[in-house]
Full PDB file with SEQRES, HELIX, SHEET, SSBOND, CRYST1, ORIGX, SCALE, CONECT and MASTER records, all heavy atoms in Angstrom:
SEQRES   1 A   35  HIS LEU PRO GLU LEU ILE ASP PHE ALA ASP ALA SER GLY          
SEQRES   2 A   35  ALA GLY ILE MET LEU MET TYR GLN LEU VAL ALA VAL GLY          
SEQRES   3 A   35  ARG GLY GLU LYS ILE GLU LYS ALA THR                          
HELIX    1 AA1 LEU A    2  SER A   12  1                                  11    
HELIX    2 AA2 GLY A   26  ALA A   34  5                                   9    
CRYST1    1.000    1.000    1.000  90.00  90.00  90.00 P 1           1          
ORIGX1      1.000000  0.000000  0.000000        0.00000                         
ORIGX2      0.000000  1.000000  0.000000        0.00000                         
ORIGX3      0.000000  0.000000  1.000000        0.00000                         
SCALE1      1.000000  0.000000  0.000000        0.00000                         
SCALE2      0.000000  1.000000  0.000000        0.00000                         
SCALE3      0.000000  0.000000  1.000000        0.00000                         
ATOM      1  N   HIS A   1       0.851  -1.266  -0.034  1.00  0.00           N  
ATOM      2  CA  HIS A   1       0.035  -0.008   0.013  1.00  0.00           C  
ATOM      3  C   HIS A   1       0.908   1.277   0.006  1.00  0.00           C  
ATOM      4  O   HIS A   1       0.349   2.348   0.079  1.00  0.00           O  
ATOM      5  CB  HIS A   1      -0.910   0.043   1.264  1.00  0.00           C  
ATOM      6  CG  HIS A   1      -1.842  -1.149   1.298  1.00  0.00           C  
ATOM      7  ND1 HIS A   1      -3.014  -1.268   0.604  1.00  0.00           N  
ATOM      8  CD2 HIS A   1      -1.651  -2.424   1.924  1.00  0.00           C  
ATOM      9  CE1 HIS A   1      -3.628  -2.449   0.859  1.00  0.00           C  
ATOM     10  NE2 HIS A   1      -2.755  -3.103   1.636  1.00  0.00           N  
ATOM     11  N   LEU A   2       2.210   1.098  -0.055  1.00  0.00           N  
ATOM     12  CA  LEU A   2       2.989   2.289   0.111  1.00  0.00           C  
ATOM     13  C   LEU A   2       2.926   3.178  -1.222  1.00  0.00           C  
ATOM     14  O   LEU A   2       2.992   4.422  -0.995  1.00  0.00           O  
ATOM     15  CB  LEU A   2       4.489   1.914   0.296  1.00  0.00           C  
ATOM     16  CG  LEU A   2       4.762   1.248   1.670  1.00  0.00           C  
ATOM     17  CD1 LEU A   2       6.270   0.861   1.751  1.00  0.00           C  
ATOM     18  CD2 LEU A   2       4.425   2.163   2.779  1.00  0.00           C  
ATOM     19  N   PRO A   3       2.744   2.640  -2.393  1.00  0.00           N  
ATOM     20  CA  PRO A   3       2.596   3.600  -3.503  1.00  0.00           C  
ATOM     21  C   PRO A   3       1.440   4.560  -3.326  1.00  0.00           C  
ATOM     22  O   PRO A   3       1.578   5.796  -3.549  1.00  0.00           O  
ATOM     23  CB  PRO A   3       2.306   2.621  -4.680  1.00  0.00           C  
ATOM     24  CG  PRO A   3       3.031   1.375  -4.377  1.00  0.00           C  
ATOM     25  CD  PRO A   3       2.817   1.299  -2.860  1.00  0.00           C  
ATOM     26  N   GLU A   4       0.278   4.077  -2.839  1.00  0.00           N  
ATOM     27  CA  GLU A   4      -0.871   4.912  -2.592  1.00  0.00           C  
ATOM     28  C   GLU A   4      -0.608   5.930  -1.470  1.00  0.00           C  
ATOM     29  O   GLU A   4      -1.086   7.034  -1.464  1.00  0.00           O  
ATOM     30  CB  GLU A   4      -2.065   4.055  -2.281  1.00  0.00           C  
ATOM     31  CG  GLU A   4      -2.599   3.257  -3.469  1.00  0.00           C  
ATOM     32  CD  GLU A   4      -1.844   1.953  -3.649  1.00  0.00           C  
ATOM     33  OE1 GLU A   4      -0.977   1.586  -2.814  1.00  0.00           O  
ATOM     34  OE2 GLU A   4      -2.056   1.298  -4.690  1.00  0.00           O  
ATOM     35  N   LEU A   5       0.216   5.491  -0.490  1.00  0.00           N  
ATOM     36  CA  LEU A   5       0.522   6.316   0.605  1.00  0.00           C  
ATOM     37  C   LEU A   5       1.391   7.460   0.206  1.00  0.00           C  
ATOM     38  O   LEU A   5       1.192   8.616   0.693  1.00  0.00           O  
ATOM     39  CB  LEU A   5       1.210   5.493   1.766  1.00  0.00           C  
ATOM     40  CG  LEU A   5       1.460   6.320   3.079  1.00  0.00           C  
ATOM     41  CD1 LEU A   5       0.204   6.943   3.601  1.00  0.00           C  
ATOM     42  CD2 LEU A   5       2.108   5.381   4.081  1.00  0.00           C  
ATOM     43  N   ILE A   6       2.290   7.249  -0.666  1.00  0.00           N  
ATOM     44  CA  ILE A   6       3.179   8.267  -1.157  1.00  0.00           C  
ATOM     45  C   ILE A   6       2.322   9.297  -1.947  1.00  0.00           C  
ATOM     46  O   ILE A   6       2.493  10.544  -1.850  1.00  0.00           O  
ATOM     47  CB  ILE A   6       4.312   7.770  -2.070  1.00  0.00           C  
ATOM     48  CG1 ILE A   6       5.305   6.894  -1.212  1.00  0.00           C  
ATOM     49  CG2 ILE A   6       5.083   8.836  -2.792  1.00  0.00           C  
ATOM     50  CD1 ILE A   6       6.324   6.155  -2.034  1.00  0.00           C  
ATOM     51  N   ASP A   7       1.402   8.777  -2.815  1.00  0.00           N  
ATOM     52  CA  ASP A   7       0.503   9.652  -3.467  1.00  0.00           C  
ATOM     53  C   ASP A   7      -0.356  10.533  -2.487  1.00  0.00           C  
ATOM     54  O   ASP A   7      -0.627  11.724  -2.764  1.00  0.00           O  
ATOM     55  CB  ASP A   7      -0.456   8.813  -4.434  1.00  0.00           C  
ATOM     56  CG  ASP A   7       0.340   8.170  -5.553  1.00  0.00           C  
ATOM     57  OD1 ASP A   7       1.436   8.615  -5.831  1.00  0.00           O  
ATOM     58  OD2 ASP A   7      -0.286   7.211  -6.091  1.00  0.00           O  
ATOM     59  N   PHE A   8      -0.747   9.850  -1.426  1.00  0.00           N  
ATOM     60  CA  PHE A   8      -1.483  10.528  -0.424  1.00  0.00           C  
ATOM     61  C   PHE A   8      -0.707  11.690   0.263  1.00  0.00           C  
ATOM     62  O   PHE A   8      -1.234  12.755   0.445  1.00  0.00           O  
ATOM     63  CB  PHE A   8      -1.973   9.513   0.684  1.00  0.00           C  
ATOM     64  CG  PHE A   8      -2.378  10.086   2.036  1.00  0.00           C  
ATOM     65  CD1 PHE A   8      -3.702  10.600   2.140  1.00  0.00           C  
ATOM     66  CD2 PHE A   8      -1.565  10.204   3.082  1.00  0.00           C  
ATOM     67  CE1 PHE A   8      -4.124  11.148   3.353  1.00  0.00           C  
ATOM     68  CE2 PHE A   8      -1.950  10.807   4.315  1.00  0.00           C  
ATOM     69  CZ  PHE A   8      -3.234  11.216   4.484  1.00  0.00           C  
ATOM     70  N   ALA A   9       0.548  11.427   0.512  1.00  0.00           N  
ATOM     71  CA  ALA A   9       1.434  12.455   1.098  1.00  0.00           C  
ATOM     72  C   ALA A   9       1.526  13.623   0.126  1.00  0.00           C  
ATOM     73  O   ALA A   9       1.530  14.798   0.596  1.00  0.00           O  
ATOM     74  CB  ALA A   9       2.774  11.861   1.429  1.00  0.00           C  
ATOM     75  N   ASP A  10       1.648  13.344  -1.115  1.00  0.00           N  
ATOM     76  CA  ASP A  10       1.650  14.360  -2.173  1.00  0.00           C  
ATOM     77  C   ASP A  10       0.372  15.148  -2.156  1.00  0.00           C  
ATOM     78  O   ASP A  10       0.415  16.452  -2.154  1.00  0.00           O  
ATOM     79  CB  ASP A  10       1.839  13.796  -3.581  1.00  0.00           C  
ATOM     80  CG  ASP A  10       3.220  13.994  -4.136  1.00  0.00           C  
ATOM     81  OD1 ASP A  10       4.036  14.612  -3.412  1.00  0.00           O  
ATOM     82  OD2 ASP A  10       3.525  13.566  -5.195  1.00  0.00           O  
ATOM     83  N   ALA A  11      -0.760  14.502  -2.150  1.00  0.00           N  
ATOM     84  CA  ALA A  11      -2.073  15.205  -2.218  1.00  0.00           C  
ATOM     85  C   ALA A  11      -2.344  15.981  -0.988  1.00  0.00           C  
ATOM     86  O   ALA A  11      -3.057  16.985  -1.069  1.00  0.00           O  
ATOM     87  CB  ALA A  11      -3.179  14.143  -2.522  1.00  0.00           C  
ATOM     88  N   SER A  12      -1.729  15.610   0.133  1.00  0.00           N  
ATOM     89  CA  SER A  12      -2.053  16.243   1.428  1.00  0.00           C  
ATOM     90  C   SER A  12      -1.168  17.502   1.513  1.00  0.00           C  
ATOM     91  O   SER A  12      -1.448  18.305   2.464  1.00  0.00           O  
ATOM     92  CB  SER A  12      -1.713  15.318   2.588  1.00  0.00           C  
ATOM     93  OG  SER A  12      -0.298  15.079   2.733  1.00  0.00           O  
ATOM     94  N   GLY A  13      -0.216  17.736   0.673  1.00  0.00           N  
ATOM     95  CA  GLY A  13       0.584  18.916   0.725  1.00  0.00           C  
ATOM     96  C   GLY A  13       1.766  18.851   1.659  1.00  0.00           C  
ATOM     97  O   GLY A  13       2.301  19.842   2.074  1.00  0.00           O  
ATOM     98  N   ALA A  14       2.197  17.570   1.975  1.00  0.00           N  
ATOM     99  CA  ALA A  14       3.390  17.393   2.808  1.00  0.00           C  
ATOM    100  C   ALA A  14       4.647  17.878   2.134  1.00  0.00           C  
ATOM    101  O   ALA A  14       4.840  17.645   0.946  1.00  0.00           O  
ATOM    102  CB  ALA A  14       3.493  15.975   3.202  1.00  0.00           C  
ATOM    103  N   GLY A  15       5.503  18.645   2.841  1.00  0.00           N  
ATOM    104  CA  GLY A  15       6.778  19.091   2.309  1.00  0.00           C  
ATOM    105  C   GLY A  15       7.843  17.969   2.362  1.00  0.00           C  
ATOM    106  O   GLY A  15       8.763  17.903   1.588  1.00  0.00           O  
ATOM    107  N   ILE A  16       7.707  17.081   3.324  1.00  0.00           N  
ATOM    108  CA  ILE A  16       8.687  16.041   3.580  1.00  0.00           C  
ATOM    109  C   ILE A  16       7.955  14.772   3.935  1.00  0.00           C  
ATOM    110  O   ILE A  16       6.921  14.779   4.616  1.00  0.00           O  
ATOM    111  CB  ILE A  16       9.708  16.383   4.807  1.00  0.00           C  
ATOM    112  CG1 ILE A  16      10.371  17.702   4.527  1.00  0.00           C  
ATOM    113  CG2 ILE A  16      10.623  15.291   5.031  1.00  0.00           C  
ATOM    114  CD1 ILE A  16      11.080  18.243   5.769  1.00  0.00           C  
ATOM    115  N   MET A  17       8.502  13.644   3.437  1.00  0.00           N  
ATOM    116  CA  MET A  17       7.966  12.315   3.841  1.00  0.00           C  
ATOM    117  C   MET A  17       9.149  11.424   4.294  1.00  0.00           C  
ATOM    118  O   MET A  17      10.118  11.219   3.471  1.00  0.00           O  
ATOM    119  CB  MET A  17       7.210  11.652   2.683  1.00  0.00           C  
ATOM    120  CG  MET A  17       6.635  10.345   3.059  1.00  0.00           C  
ATOM    121  SD  MET A  17       5.739   9.451   1.783  1.00  0.00           S  
ATOM    122  CE  MET A  17       4.819   8.130   2.639  1.00  0.00           C  
ATOM    123  N   LEU A  18       9.100  11.010   5.512  1.00  0.00           N  
ATOM    124  CA  LEU A  18      10.158  10.142   6.005  1.00  0.00           C  
ATOM    125  C   LEU A  18       9.649   8.681   5.970  1.00  0.00           C  
ATOM    126  O   LEU A  18       8.559   8.362   6.446  1.00  0.00           O  
ATOM    127  CB  LEU A  18      10.534  10.463   7.433  1.00  0.00           C  
ATOM    128  CG  LEU A  18      11.313  11.745   7.652  1.00  0.00           C  
ATOM    129  CD1 LEU A  18      11.786  11.891   9.095  1.00  0.00           C  
ATOM    130  CD2 LEU A  18      12.409  11.961   6.704  1.00  0.00           C  
ATOM    131  N   MET A  19      10.367   7.825   5.278  1.00  0.00           N  
ATOM    132  CA  MET A  19       9.990   6.457   5.073  1.00  0.00           C  
ATOM    133  C   MET A  19      10.862   5.494   5.912  1.00  0.00           C  
ATOM    134  O   MET A  19      12.003   5.188   5.545  1.00  0.00           O  
ATOM    135  CB  MET A  19      10.133   6.063   3.602  1.00  0.00           C  
ATOM    136  CG  MET A  19       9.678   4.659   3.253  1.00  0.00           C  
ATOM    137  SD  MET A  19       7.845   4.474   3.321  1.00  0.00           S  
ATOM    138  CE  MET A  19       7.439   5.278   1.766  1.00  0.00           C  
ATOM    139  N   TYR A  20      10.422   5.299   7.129  1.00  0.00           N  
ATOM    140  CA  TYR A  20      11.116   4.437   8.085  1.00  0.00           C  
ATOM    141  C   TYR A  20      11.065   2.921   7.637  1.00  0.00           C  
ATOM    142  O   TYR A  20      10.036   2.481   7.095  1.00  0.00           O  
ATOM    143  CB  TYR A  20      10.600   4.520   9.434  1.00  0.00           C  
ATOM    144  CG  TYR A  20      10.854   5.822  10.167  1.00  0.00           C  
ATOM    145  CD1 TYR A  20      10.177   6.941   9.865  1.00  0.00           C  
ATOM    146  CD2 TYR A  20      11.833   5.883  11.183  1.00  0.00           C  
ATOM    147  CE1 TYR A  20      10.395   8.140  10.487  1.00  0.00           C  
ATOM    148  CE2 TYR A  20      12.002   7.122  11.855  1.00  0.00           C  
ATOM    149  CZ  TYR A  20      11.368   8.220  11.477  1.00  0.00           C  
ATOM    150  OH  TYR A  20      11.588   9.408  12.163  1.00  0.00           O  
ATOM    151  N   GLN A  21      12.130   2.210   7.865  1.00  0.00           N  
ATOM    152  CA  GLN A  21      12.084   0.759   7.664  1.00  0.00           C  
ATOM    153  C   GLN A  21      12.020   0.110   9.078  1.00  0.00           C  
ATOM    154  O   GLN A  21      12.721   0.571   9.932  1.00  0.00           O  
ATOM    155  CB  GLN A  21      13.312   0.213   6.983  1.00  0.00           C  
ATOM    156  CG  GLN A  21      13.299   0.500   5.490  1.00  0.00           C  
ATOM    157  CD  GLN A  21      14.453  -0.213   4.752  1.00  0.00           C  
ATOM    158  OE1 GLN A  21      14.804  -1.338   5.026  1.00  0.00           O  
ATOM    159  NE2 GLN A  21      15.008   0.423   3.778  1.00  0.00           N  
ATOM    160  N   LEU A  22      11.079  -0.756   9.230  1.00  0.00           N  
ATOM    161  CA  LEU A  22      10.911  -1.355  10.605  1.00  0.00           C  
ATOM    162  C   LEU A  22      12.204  -2.054  11.101  1.00  0.00           C  
ATOM    163  O   LEU A  22      12.737  -2.908  10.359  1.00  0.00           O  
ATOM    164  CB  LEU A  22       9.713  -2.364  10.540  1.00  0.00           C  
ATOM    165  CG  LEU A  22       9.425  -3.151  11.840  1.00  0.00           C  
ATOM    166  CD1 LEU A  22       8.906  -2.176  12.990  1.00  0.00           C  
ATOM    167  CD2 LEU A  22       8.401  -4.212  11.661  1.00  0.00           C  
ATOM    168  N   VAL A  23      12.600  -1.757  12.312  1.00  0.00           N  
ATOM    169  CA  VAL A  23      13.708  -2.384  12.905  1.00  0.00           C  
ATOM    170  C   VAL A  23      13.150  -3.083  14.176  1.00  0.00           C  
ATOM    171  O   VAL A  23      12.335  -2.507  14.919  1.00  0.00           O  
ATOM    172  CB  VAL A  23      14.827  -1.402  13.405  1.00  0.00           C  
ATOM    173  CG1 VAL A  23      15.982  -2.154  14.106  1.00  0.00           C  
ATOM    174  CG2 VAL A  23      15.282  -0.649  12.121  1.00  0.00           C  
ATOM    175  N   ALA A  24      13.487  -4.322  14.388  1.00  0.00           N  
ATOM    176  CA  ALA A  24      12.828  -5.175  15.371  1.00  0.00           C  
ATOM    177  C   ALA A  24      13.339  -4.907  16.731  1.00  0.00           C  
ATOM    178  O   ALA A  24      14.042  -5.619  17.400  1.00  0.00           O  
ATOM    179  CB  ALA A  24      13.041  -6.689  15.023  1.00  0.00           C  
ATOM    180  N   VAL A  25      12.901  -3.755  17.254  1.00  0.00           N  
ATOM    181  CA  VAL A  25      13.193  -3.324  18.610  1.00  0.00           C  
ATOM    182  C   VAL A  25      11.883  -2.918  19.299  1.00  0.00           C  
ATOM    183  O   VAL A  25      10.865  -2.616  18.568  1.00  0.00           O  
ATOM    184  CB  VAL A  25      14.235  -2.261  18.711  1.00  0.00           C  
ATOM    185  CG1 VAL A  25      15.555  -2.712  18.167  1.00  0.00           C  
ATOM    186  CG2 VAL A  25      13.704  -0.966  18.024  1.00  0.00           C  
ATOM    187  N   GLY A  26      11.851  -2.754  20.588  1.00  0.00           N  
ATOM    188  CA  GLY A  26      10.623  -2.368  21.286  1.00  0.00           C  
ATOM    189  C   GLY A  26       9.565  -3.318  21.051  1.00  0.00           C  
ATOM    190  O   GLY A  26       9.745  -4.520  21.011  1.00  0.00           O  
ATOM    191  N   ARG A  27       8.313  -2.860  20.839  1.00  0.00           N  
ATOM    192  CA  ARG A  27       7.239  -3.767  20.549  1.00  0.00           C  
ATOM    193  C   ARG A  27       7.442  -4.376  19.172  1.00  0.00           C  
ATOM    194  O   ARG A  27       6.882  -5.481  18.859  1.00  0.00           O  
ATOM    195  CB  ARG A  27       5.898  -3.044  20.460  1.00  0.00           C  
ATOM    196  CG  ARG A  27       5.260  -2.786  21.912  1.00  0.00           C  
ATOM    197  CD  ARG A  27       3.748  -2.521  21.847  1.00  0.00           C  
ATOM    198  NE  ARG A  27       3.499  -1.264  21.222  1.00  0.00           N  
ATOM    199  CZ  ARG A  27       3.351  -0.138  21.888  1.00  0.00           C  
ATOM    200  NH1 ARG A  27       3.603  -0.060  23.180  1.00  0.00           N  
ATOM    201  NH2 ARG A  27       3.034   0.964  21.259  1.00  0.00           N  
ATOM    202  N   GLY A  28       8.290  -3.817  18.328  1.00  0.00           N  
ATOM    203  CA  GLY A  28       8.525  -4.337  17.029  1.00  0.00           C  
ATOM    204  C   GLY A  28       9.264  -5.706  17.081  1.00  0.00           C  
ATOM    205  O   GLY A  28       9.268  -6.441  16.162  1.00  0.00           O  
ATOM    206  N   GLU A  29       9.853  -6.058  18.242  1.00  0.00           N  
ATOM    207  CA  GLU A  29      10.518  -7.344  18.342  1.00  0.00           C  
ATOM    208  C   GLU A  29       9.433  -8.441  18.227  1.00  0.00           C  
ATOM    209  O   GLU A  29       9.684  -9.558  17.823  1.00  0.00           O  
ATOM    210  CB  GLU A  29      11.185  -7.450  19.793  1.00  0.00           C  
ATOM    211  CG  GLU A  29      12.391  -6.612  19.967  1.00  0.00           C  
ATOM    212  CD  GLU A  29      12.978  -6.676  21.325  1.00  0.00           C  
ATOM    213  OE1 GLU A  29      12.305  -7.158  22.257  1.00  0.00           O  
ATOM    214  OE2 GLU A  29      14.143  -6.337  21.482  1.00  0.00           O  
ATOM    215  N   LYS A  30       8.200  -8.135  18.672  1.00  0.00           N  
ATOM    216  CA  LYS A  30       7.193  -9.212  18.670  1.00  0.00           C  
ATOM    217  C   LYS A  30       6.624  -9.437  17.248  1.00  0.00           C  
ATOM    218  O   LYS A  30       5.961 -10.370  16.995  1.00  0.00           O  
ATOM    219  CB  LYS A  30       6.039  -8.772  19.571  1.00  0.00           C  
ATOM    220  CG  LYS A  30       6.518  -8.603  21.038  1.00  0.00           C  
ATOM    221  CD  LYS A  30       5.318  -8.136  21.970  1.00  0.00           C  
ATOM    222  CE  LYS A  30       5.800  -7.965  23.411  1.00  0.00           C  
ATOM    223  NZ  LYS A  30       4.677  -7.434  24.247  1.00  0.00           N  
ATOM    224  N   ILE A  31       6.889  -8.553  16.320  1.00  0.00           N  
ATOM    225  CA  ILE A  31       6.496  -8.728  14.960  1.00  0.00           C  
ATOM    226  C   ILE A  31       7.610  -8.762  14.003  1.00  0.00           C  
ATOM    227  O   ILE A  31       7.681  -8.146  12.957  1.00  0.00           O  
ATOM    228  CB  ILE A  31       5.433  -7.657  14.597  1.00  0.00           C  
ATOM    229  CG1 ILE A  31       6.016  -6.256  14.709  1.00  0.00           C  
ATOM    230  CG2 ILE A  31       4.225  -7.816  15.330  1.00  0.00           C  
ATOM    231  CD1 ILE A  31       5.263  -5.219  13.929  1.00  0.00           C  
ATOM    232  N   GLU A  32       8.714  -9.392  14.388  1.00  0.00           N  
ATOM    233  CA  GLU A  32       9.913  -9.469  13.555  1.00  0.00           C  
ATOM    234  C   GLU A  32       9.548  -9.998  12.186  1.00  0.00           C  
ATOM    235  O   GLU A  32      10.173  -9.634  11.211  1.00  0.00           O  
ATOM    236  CB  GLU A  32      10.980 -10.393  14.175  1.00  0.00           C  
ATOM    237  CG  GLU A  32      12.239 -10.444  13.348  1.00  0.00           C  
ATOM    238  CD  GLU A  32      13.331 -11.305  14.101  1.00  0.00           C  
ATOM    239  OE1 GLU A  32      13.180 -11.569  15.286  1.00  0.00           O  
ATOM    240  OE2 GLU A  32      14.281 -11.607  13.372  1.00  0.00           O  
ATOM    241  N   LYS A  33       8.504 -10.875  12.107  1.00  0.00           N  
ATOM    242  CA  LYS A  33       8.098 -11.316  10.782  1.00  0.00           C  
ATOM    243  C   LYS A  33       7.550 -10.245   9.924  1.00  0.00           C  
ATOM    244  O   LYS A  33       7.533 -10.412   8.681  1.00  0.00           O  
ATOM    245  CB  LYS A  33       6.956 -12.397  10.989  1.00  0.00           C  
ATOM    246  CG  LYS A  33       5.639 -11.852  11.623  1.00  0.00           C  
ATOM    247  CD  LYS A  33       4.627 -12.897  11.800  1.00  0.00           C  
ATOM    248  CE  LYS A  33       3.292 -12.328  12.329  1.00  0.00           C  
ATOM    249  NZ  LYS A  33       2.303 -13.393  12.607  1.00  0.00           N  
ATOM    250  N   ALA A  34       7.310  -9.069  10.409  1.00  0.00           N  
ATOM    251  CA  ALA A  34       6.775  -7.986   9.615  1.00  0.00           C  
ATOM    252  C   ALA A  34       7.914  -7.057   9.083  1.00  0.00           C  
ATOM    253  O   ALA A  34       7.667  -6.252   8.257  1.00  0.00           O  
ATOM    254  CB  ALA A  34       5.877  -7.067  10.495  1.00  0.00           C  
ATOM    255  N   THR A  35       9.146  -7.388   9.592  1.00  0.00           N  
ATOM    256  CA  THR A  35      10.263  -6.541   9.005  1.00  0.00           C  
ATOM    257  C   THR A  35      10.469  -6.958   7.547  1.00  0.00           C  
ATOM    258  O   THR A  35      10.241  -8.150   7.131  1.00  0.00           O  
ATOM    259  CB  THR A  35      11.560  -6.840   9.764  1.00  0.00           C  
ATOM    260  OG1 THR A  35      11.875  -8.236   9.736  1.00  0.00           O  
ATOM    261  CG2 THR A  35      11.388  -6.446  11.203  1.00  0.00           C  
TER     262      THR A  35                                                      
MASTER        0    0    0    2    0    0    0    6  261    1    0    3          
END                                                                             
């Protein structure tokens, strides 16, 4: 769904979009399969 999200950021008038990649720390450790 990221292509649509980038289009959404454009349409919303955002000046910057930061695209984080999930790192398996914190609660993210429990969803390492999602990295």
